[in-house]
Amino acid sequence: MPEPANESGGPVFASVNGGEDMKTRGIVLTGDSQMAVCSPVAARTTCYDTLLHTPISPIVDRFGLSIA
């Protein structure tokens, strides 16, 4: 298995019902598992089929933040 990529800090968004209604879900911790095929990009890129993230809710609650 390849070493996980350091992708930490990026936002994680997901659709609520499979459409364009994207909601903030978390912050990227790392990419993991098997390497996946990446779409063509200008710079050399490693992609993984699994993205590990931490949920955003505890962070927002802890620091009294809001997401508009």
C-alpha atoms as a PDB file:
ATOM      1  CA  MET A   1       0.000   0.000   0.000  1.00  0.00           C
ATOM      2  CA  PRO A   2       1.347   3.481  -0.844  1.00  0.00           C
ATOM      3  CA  GLU A   3       2.114   5.974   1.864  1.00  0.00           C
ATOM      4  CA  PRO A   4      -0.817   8.345   2.606  1.00  0.00           C
ATOM      5  CA  ALA A   5      -0.586  11.737   0.958  1.00  0.00           C
ATOM      6  CA  ASN A   6      -0.450  14.835   3.104  1.00  0.00           C
ATOM      7  CA  GLU A   7      -3.665  16.543   2.026  1.00  0.00           C
ATOM      8  CA  SER A   8      -4.551  17.923   5.429  1.00  0.00           C
ATOM      9  CA  GLY A   9      -6.443  21.156   5.911  1.00  0.00           C
ATOM     10  CA  GLY A  10      -8.656  21.187   2.837  1.00  0.00           C
ATOM     11  CA  PRO A  11     -12.436  21.494   3.103  1.00  0.00           C
ATOM     12  CA  VAL A  12     -14.757  18.493   2.698  1.00  0.00           C
ATOM     13  CA  PHE A  13     -18.140  19.094   1.070  1.00  0.00           C
ATOM     14  CA  ALA A  14     -20.925  16.604   0.382  1.00  0.00           C
ATOM     15  CA  SER A  15     -24.356  16.747  -1.177  1.00  0.00           C
ATOM     16  CA  VAL A  16     -27.355  16.257   1.079  1.00  0.00           C
ATOM     17  CA  ASN A  17     -29.491  14.547  -1.573  1.00  0.00           C
ATOM     18  CA  GLY A  18     -27.108  13.807  -4.441  1.00  0.00           C
ATOM     19  CA  GLY A  19     -27.674  17.138  -6.179  1.00  0.00           C
ATOM     20  CA  GLU A  20     -25.959  20.492  -6.107  1.00  0.00           C
ATOM     21  CA  ASP A  21     -26.955  21.249  -2.488  1.00  0.00           C
ATOM     22  CA  MET A  22     -23.418  20.990  -1.097  1.00  0.00           C
ATOM     23  CA  LYS A  23     -22.846  21.298   2.649  1.00  0.00           C
ATOM     24  CA  THR A  24     -19.619  21.630   4.626  1.00  0.00           C
ATOM     25  CA  ARG A  25     -18.824  18.283   6.247  1.00  0.00           C
ATOM     26  CA  GLY A  26     -15.274  18.444   7.573  1.00  0.00           C
ATOM     27  CA  ILE A  27     -11.561  19.057   7.135  1.00  0.00           C
ATOM     28  CA  VAL A  28      -9.250  16.679   5.247  1.00  0.00           C
ATOM     29  CA  LEU A  29      -6.821  14.709   7.379  1.00  0.00           C
ATOM     30  CA  THR A  30      -5.189  12.571   4.658  1.00  0.00           C
ATOM     31  CA  GLY A  31      -5.651  10.441   1.575  1.00  0.00           C
ATOM     32  CA  ASP A  32      -5.334   6.706   2.169  1.00  0.00           C
ATOM     33  CA  SER A  33      -5.832   3.229   0.707  1.00  0.00           C
ATOM     34  CA  GLN A  34      -5.229   2.383  -2.958  1.00  0.00           C
ATOM     35  CA  MET A  35      -4.066   4.943  -5.456  1.00  0.00           C
ATOM     36  CA  ALA A  36      -6.844   5.942  -7.842  1.00  0.00           C
ATOM     37  CA  VAL A  37      -6.759   7.265 -11.387  1.00  0.00           C
ATOM     38  CA  CYS A  38      -6.522  11.065 -11.400  1.00  0.00           C
ATOM     39  CA  SER A  39      -7.961  13.255 -14.095  1.00  0.00           C
ATOM     40  CA  PRO A  40      -5.327  15.054 -16.175  1.00  0.00           C
ATOM     41  CA  VAL A  41      -3.750  17.909 -14.259  1.00  0.00           C
ATOM     42  CA  ALA A  42      -0.846  20.256 -14.987  1.00  0.00           C
ATOM     43  CA  ALA A  43       1.222  19.148 -11.971  1.00  0.00           C
ATOM     44  CA  ARG A  44       2.099  15.597 -10.919  1.00  0.00           C
ATOM     45  CA  THR A  45      -0.677  14.491  -8.575  1.00  0.00           C
ATOM     46  CA  THR A  46      -1.282  11.441  -6.386  1.00  0.00           C
ATOM     47  CA  CYS A  47      -4.896  10.474  -5.861  1.00  0.00           C
ATOM     48  CA  TYR A  48      -6.352   7.939  -3.445  1.00  0.00           C
ATOM     49  CA  ASP A  49      -9.703   6.184  -3.377  1.00  0.00           C
ATOM     50  CA  THR A  50     -10.248   7.016   0.305  1.00  0.00           C
ATOM     51  CA  LEU A  51     -10.272  10.403   1.976  1.00  0.00           C
ATOM     52  CA  LEU A  52     -10.016  10.576   5.759  1.00  0.00           C
ATOM     53  CA  HIS A  53     -11.503  13.664   7.383  1.00  0.00           C
ATOM     54  CA  THR A  54     -12.577  15.027  10.723  1.00  0.00           C
ATOM     55  CA  PRO A  55     -16.187  16.241  11.046  1.00  0.00           C
ATOM     56  CA  ILE A  56     -16.603  20.019  11.079  1.00  0.00           C
ATOM     57  CA  SER A  57     -19.368  20.151  13.737  1.00  0.00           C
ATOM     58  CA  PRO A  58     -17.136  19.643  16.805  1.00  0.00           C
ATOM     59  CA  ILE A  59     -14.736  22.312  15.542  1.00  0.00           C
ATOM     60  CA  VAL A  60     -17.532  24.813  14.897  1.00  0.00           C
ATOM     61  CA  ASP A  61     -19.091  24.083  18.299  1.00  0.00           C
ATOM     62  CA  ARG A  62     -15.796  24.245  20.208  1.00  0.00           C
ATOM     63  CA  PHE A  63     -14.836  27.667  18.877  1.00  0.00           C
ATOM     64  CA  GLY A  64     -18.335  29.142  18.661  1.00  0.00           C
ATOM     65  CA  LEU A  65     -18.155  29.526  14.884  1.00  0.00           C
ATOM     66  CA  SER A  66     -20.867  29.502  12.243  1.00  0.00           C
ATOM     67  CA  ILE A  67     -20.853  28.490   8.603  1.00  0.00           C
ATOM     68  CA  ALA A  68     -22.921  30.735   6.355  1.00  0.00           C
END
